[in-house]
N, C-alpha and C. Protein backbone atom coordinates (compact mmCIF):
# COMPACT_ATOMS: atom_id res chain seq x y z
N MET A 1 -3.30 13.65 9.28
CA MET A 1 -1.98 13.58 8.11
C MET A 1 -2.31 14.47 7.57
N LYS A 2 -3.26 14.78 6.74
CA LYS A 2 -3.71 16.12 5.97
C LYS A 2 -3.56 17.14 6.43
N GLN A 3 -4.04 17.51 8.36
CA GLN A 3 -4.02 18.59 8.84
C GLN A 3 -2.46 19.08 9.83
N SER A 4 -1.97 17.67 9.57
CA SER A 4 -1.07 17.58 10.83
C SER A 4 0.33 17.26 9.98
N GLY A 5 0.46 17.22 8.61
CA GLY A 5 1.77 16.71 7.68
C GLY A 5 2.24 15.63 8.77
N LYS A 6 1.61 14.89 9.22
CA LYS A 6 2.75 13.96 10.27
C LYS A 6 1.27 12.90 9.61
N CYS A 7 2.60 11.95 10.00
CA CYS A 7 1.63 9.99 9.87
C CYS A 7 1.48 9.70 11.41
N PRO A 8 -0.45 9.07 11.46
CA PRO A 8 -0.70 9.21 12.72
C PRO A 8 -0.16 7.78 13.04
N LYS A 9 0.50 7.13 12.24
CA LYS A 9 1.19 5.60 12.50
C LYS A 9 2.45 5.61 12.97
N CYS A 10 3.43 6.18 12.24
CA CYS A 10 4.87 6.16 12.34
C CYS A 10 5.49 7.43 12.75
N GLY A 11 4.76 8.49 12.55
CA GLY A 11 5.05 10.01 13.09
C GLY A 11 6.16 10.42 12.34
N SER A 12 6.11 9.79 10.92
CA SER A 12 6.85 10.16 10.08
C SER A 12 6.14 11.60 9.49
N HIS A 13 7.13 12.64 8.74
CA HIS A 13 6.86 13.76 7.98
C HIS A 13 6.77 13.64 6.73
N GLU A 14 7.01 12.86 6.45
CA GLU A 14 7.21 12.49 4.73
C GLU A 14 5.58 12.17 4.20
N VAL A 15 5.15 12.92 3.93
CA VAL A 15 3.61 13.08 3.56
C VAL A 15 3.67 13.39 1.97
N ILE A 16 2.84 12.27 1.52
CA ILE A 16 2.76 12.73 0.10
C ILE A 16 1.11 13.49 0.04
N ALA A 17 1.03 15.16 -0.44
CA ALA A 17 -0.46 15.20 -0.20
C ALA A 17 -0.82 15.02 -1.30
N GLY A 18 -2.41 14.85 -1.50
CA GLY A 18 -3.26 14.59 -2.32
C GLY A 18 -3.03 13.94 -3.52
N ALA A 19 -2.68 12.55 -3.31
CA ALA A 19 -2.17 11.59 -4.51
C ALA A 19 -3.35 10.82 -5.01
N LYS A 20 -3.84 11.00 -6.60
CA LYS A 20 -4.98 10.30 -7.15
C LYS A 20 -5.33 9.18 -6.64
N ALA A 21 -6.74 8.69 -6.34
CA ALA A 21 -7.03 7.43 -5.91
C ALA A 21 -7.91 6.80 -7.27
N ILE A 22 -7.32 5.91 -7.91
CA ILE A 22 -7.85 5.70 -9.45
C ILE A 22 -9.36 4.36 -8.88
N ASP A 23 -10.10 4.39 -9.71
CA ASP A 23 -10.71 2.97 -9.56
C ASP A 23 -10.74 2.49 -11.25
N ARG A 24 -9.92 1.18 -11.12
CA ARG A 24 -10.10 0.38 -12.10
C ARG A 24 -11.25 0.01 -13.33
N ALA A 25 -12.43 -0.59 -12.34
CA ALA A 25 -13.24 -1.15 -12.77
C ALA A 25 -13.20 -2.21 -13.47
N HIS A 26 -13.38 -2.05 -14.84
CA HIS A 26 -13.00 -3.79 -15.09
C HIS A 26 -12.07 -3.29 -16.76
N GLY A 27 -11.22 -4.07 -17.25
CA GLY A 27 -10.20 -3.48 -17.98
C GLY A 27 -9.28 -2.44 -17.69
N PRO A 28 -8.83 -2.38 -18.61
CA PRO A 28 -8.15 -0.87 -19.07
C PRO A 28 -9.15 0.56 -18.60
N THR A 29 -10.35 0.40 -18.45
CA THR A 29 -11.07 1.36 -18.22
C THR A 29 -10.02 2.51 -16.67
N GLN A 30 -10.06 3.36 -16.59
CA GLN A 30 -9.95 4.06 -15.26
C GLN A 30 -10.80 5.32 -15.36
N LYS A 31 -11.01 5.65 -13.81
CA LYS A 31 -11.82 6.79 -13.65
C LYS A 31 -11.41 7.05 -12.35
N ASP A 32 -11.49 8.39 -11.60
CA ASP A 32 -11.25 8.85 -10.50
C ASP A 32 -12.25 7.97 -9.39
N PHE A 33 -11.47 7.63 -8.33
CA PHE A 33 -12.21 6.80 -7.36
C PHE A 33 -13.13 7.89 -6.55
N THR A 34 -14.24 7.22 -6.22
CA THR A 34 -15.33 8.49 -5.55
C THR A 34 -16.04 7.73 -4.06
N VAL A 35 -16.57 8.24 -3.31
CA VAL A 35 -17.66 8.10 -2.74
C VAL A 35 -19.25 9.06 -2.56
N ALA A 36 -20.19 7.81 -2.16
CA ALA A 36 -21.15 8.63 -2.04
C ALA A 36 -22.27 8.18 -1.24
N THR A 37 -23.26 9.47 -1.44
CA THR A 37 -24.13 9.14 -0.07
C THR A 37 -25.77 8.75 -1.22
N PHE A 38 -26.72 8.39 -0.68
CA PHE A 38 -28.01 8.64 -1.46
C PHE A 38 -29.44 9.32 -0.75
N ARG A 39 -30.05 10.48 -0.94
CA ARG A 39 -30.91 11.23 -0.54
C ARG A 39 -32.25 9.88 -0.49
N THR A 40 -32.50 8.88 -1.12
CA THR A 40 -33.41 8.20 -0.74
C THR A 40 -32.98 6.51 -0.97
N PRO A 41 -32.36 6.03 -0.40
CA PRO A 41 -31.66 4.71 -0.56
C PRO A 41 -32.62 4.08 -0.68
N GLU A 42 -33.79 3.85 -0.33
CA GLU A 42 -35.06 2.76 -0.32
C GLU A 42 -35.61 2.79 -1.88
N ALA A 43 -35.44 4.00 -2.83
CA ALA A 43 -36.16 3.71 -3.88
C ALA A 43 -35.22 2.67 -5.03
N PHE A 44 -36.15 2.00 -5.63
CA PHE A 44 -35.96 1.37 -6.62
C PHE A 44 -34.90 1.65 -7.67
N ILE A 45 -35.13 3.17 -7.98
CA ILE A 45 -34.41 4.00 -9.04
C ILE A 45 -34.59 5.30 -8.59
N PHE A 46 -33.48 6.29 -8.91
CA PHE A 46 -33.58 7.21 -8.47
C PHE A 46 -33.45 7.64 -7.02
N LYS A 47 -32.25 6.86 -7.09
CA LYS A 47 -31.83 7.06 -5.50
C LYS A 47 -31.57 8.86 -5.25
N GLY A 48 -31.17 9.30 -5.80
CA GLY A 48 -30.67 10.59 -5.68
C GLY A 48 -29.28 10.72 -4.90
N GLU A 49 -28.87 10.25 -5.91
CA GLU A 49 -26.96 9.92 -5.58
C GLU A 49 -26.50 11.33 -5.69
N GLN A 50 -25.35 11.48 -4.43
CA GLN A 50 -24.95 12.66 -3.97
C GLN A 50 -22.95 12.00 -4.04
N LYS A 51 -21.99 12.58 -5.05
CA LYS A 51 -21.15 11.85 -4.63
C LYS A 51 -19.95 12.72 -4.91
N SER A 52 -18.46 12.52 -4.81
CA SER A 52 -17.76 13.01 -4.14
C SER A 52 -16.16 12.36 -4.71
N PRO A 53 -15.02 12.93 -5.74
CA PRO A 53 -14.08 12.57 -5.58
C PRO A 53 -13.07 12.32 -4.56
N VAL A 54 -12.22 11.35 -3.95
CA VAL A 54 -11.74 11.04 -3.59
C VAL A 54 -9.99 11.40 -3.48
N SER A 55 -9.47 11.91 -2.98
CA SER A 55 -7.82 12.11 -2.84
C SER A 55 -7.26 11.32 -1.81
N ALA A 56 -5.87 10.92 -2.18
CA ALA A 56 -5.20 10.12 -0.80
C ALA A 56 -3.82 10.86 -0.54
N TRP A 57 -3.79 10.73 1.03
CA TRP A 57 -2.64 10.93 1.67
C TRP A 57 -1.93 9.79 1.98
N VAL A 58 -0.53 9.83 1.71
CA VAL A 58 0.01 8.38 1.99
C VAL A 58 1.39 9.02 2.84
N CYS A 59 1.82 8.01 3.77
CA CYS A 59 3.19 8.26 4.66
C CYS A 59 4.18 7.45 3.38
N GLY A 60 5.32 8.53 3.38
CA GLY A 60 6.26 7.94 2.44
C GLY A 60 7.15 7.08 3.36
N SER A 61 7.02 6.63 4.29
CA SER A 61 7.84 6.30 5.30
C SER A 61 7.31 4.74 5.43
N CYS A 62 5.90 4.83 6.03
CA CYS A 62 5.19 3.72 6.30
C CYS A 62 4.38 2.89 5.32
N GLY A 63 3.48 3.62 4.28
CA GLY A 63 2.90 3.18 3.56
C GLY A 63 1.30 3.82 3.95
N PHE A 64 1.10 4.05 5.01
CA PHE A 64 0.04 4.35 5.59
C PHE A 64 -0.86 5.34 4.85
N VAL A 65 -2.00 5.19 4.35
CA VAL A 65 -2.85 5.66 3.61
C VAL A 65 -4.23 6.52 4.25
N GLU A 66 -4.47 7.41 4.35
CA GLU A 66 -5.88 8.11 4.71
C GLU A 66 -6.74 8.85 3.13
N LEU A 67 -7.81 8.68 3.09
CA LEU A 67 -8.33 8.88 1.88
C LEU A 67 -9.43 10.32 2.51
N TYR A 68 -9.68 11.27 1.52
CA TYR A 68 -10.52 12.59 2.07
C TYR A 68 -11.73 12.56 1.02
N ALA A 69 -12.70 13.02 0.71
CA ALA A 69 -13.60 13.35 0.20
C ALA A 69 -13.10 14.59 -0.34
N GLN A 70 -12.98 14.98 -1.54
CA GLN A 70 -12.84 16.18 -2.03
C GLN A 70 -13.65 17.65 -1.74
N PHE A 71 -14.98 16.58 -1.57
CA PHE A 71 -16.04 17.46 -1.85
C PHE A 71 -17.12 17.31 -0.62
N PRO A 72 -16.94 17.44 0.50
CA PRO A 72 -17.39 16.68 1.74
C PRO A 72 -18.85 17.66 1.68
N ASP A 73 -19.14 18.76 1.44
CA ASP A 73 -20.43 19.08 1.25
C ASP A 73 -21.77 18.50 0.64
N ARG A 74 -20.82 18.03 -0.60
CA ARG A 74 -21.99 16.89 -1.61
C ARG A 74 -22.45 16.27 -1.26
N LEU A 75 -21.46 15.48 -0.21
CA LEU A 75 -22.46 14.39 0.42
C LEU A 75 -23.44 14.52 1.50
N LYS A 76 -23.77 15.56 2.04
CA LYS A 76 -24.79 15.96 3.22
C LYS A 76 -25.95 15.32 2.62
N ILE A 77 -26.59 14.58 3.75
CA ILE A 77 -28.05 14.63 3.41
C ILE A 77 -29.25 16.12 3.85
N PRO A 78 -30.04 16.09 2.82
CA PRO A 78 -30.64 17.80 4.00
C PRO A 78 -31.93 16.79 4.49
N ALA A 79 -31.87 16.99 6.04
CA ALA A 79 -33.19 16.49 6.63
C ALA A 79 -34.18 16.61 5.93
N ALA A 80 -35.14 15.49 6.53
CA ALA A 80 -36.16 15.61 5.97
C ALA A 80 -37.15 16.77 6.84
C-alpha cells in the first residue's frame, strides 16, 4: 500500500498515508507505537534494545491497515 498507493485487499486507491500509531499503555498515557529488536535477547539486563516508531497506512474504503517501521535500519542486528 505504501509503495503502490493501492489497497492489497480491496484495490481501492483511498489510502490514508502515514497515520500515527499510538500505544496507550495504562491510563491516559499516550506514546508512539514502536517495534524493537535486541542484540542480546538472552541477557538478563542490557539486552541491547534497538527500536523504531511505527506509522500506519490505512485503506479508507475497507479499513485494512499496514504498519511500517519508520527507521528499519535501526532494527538490524549486527552479524556476530
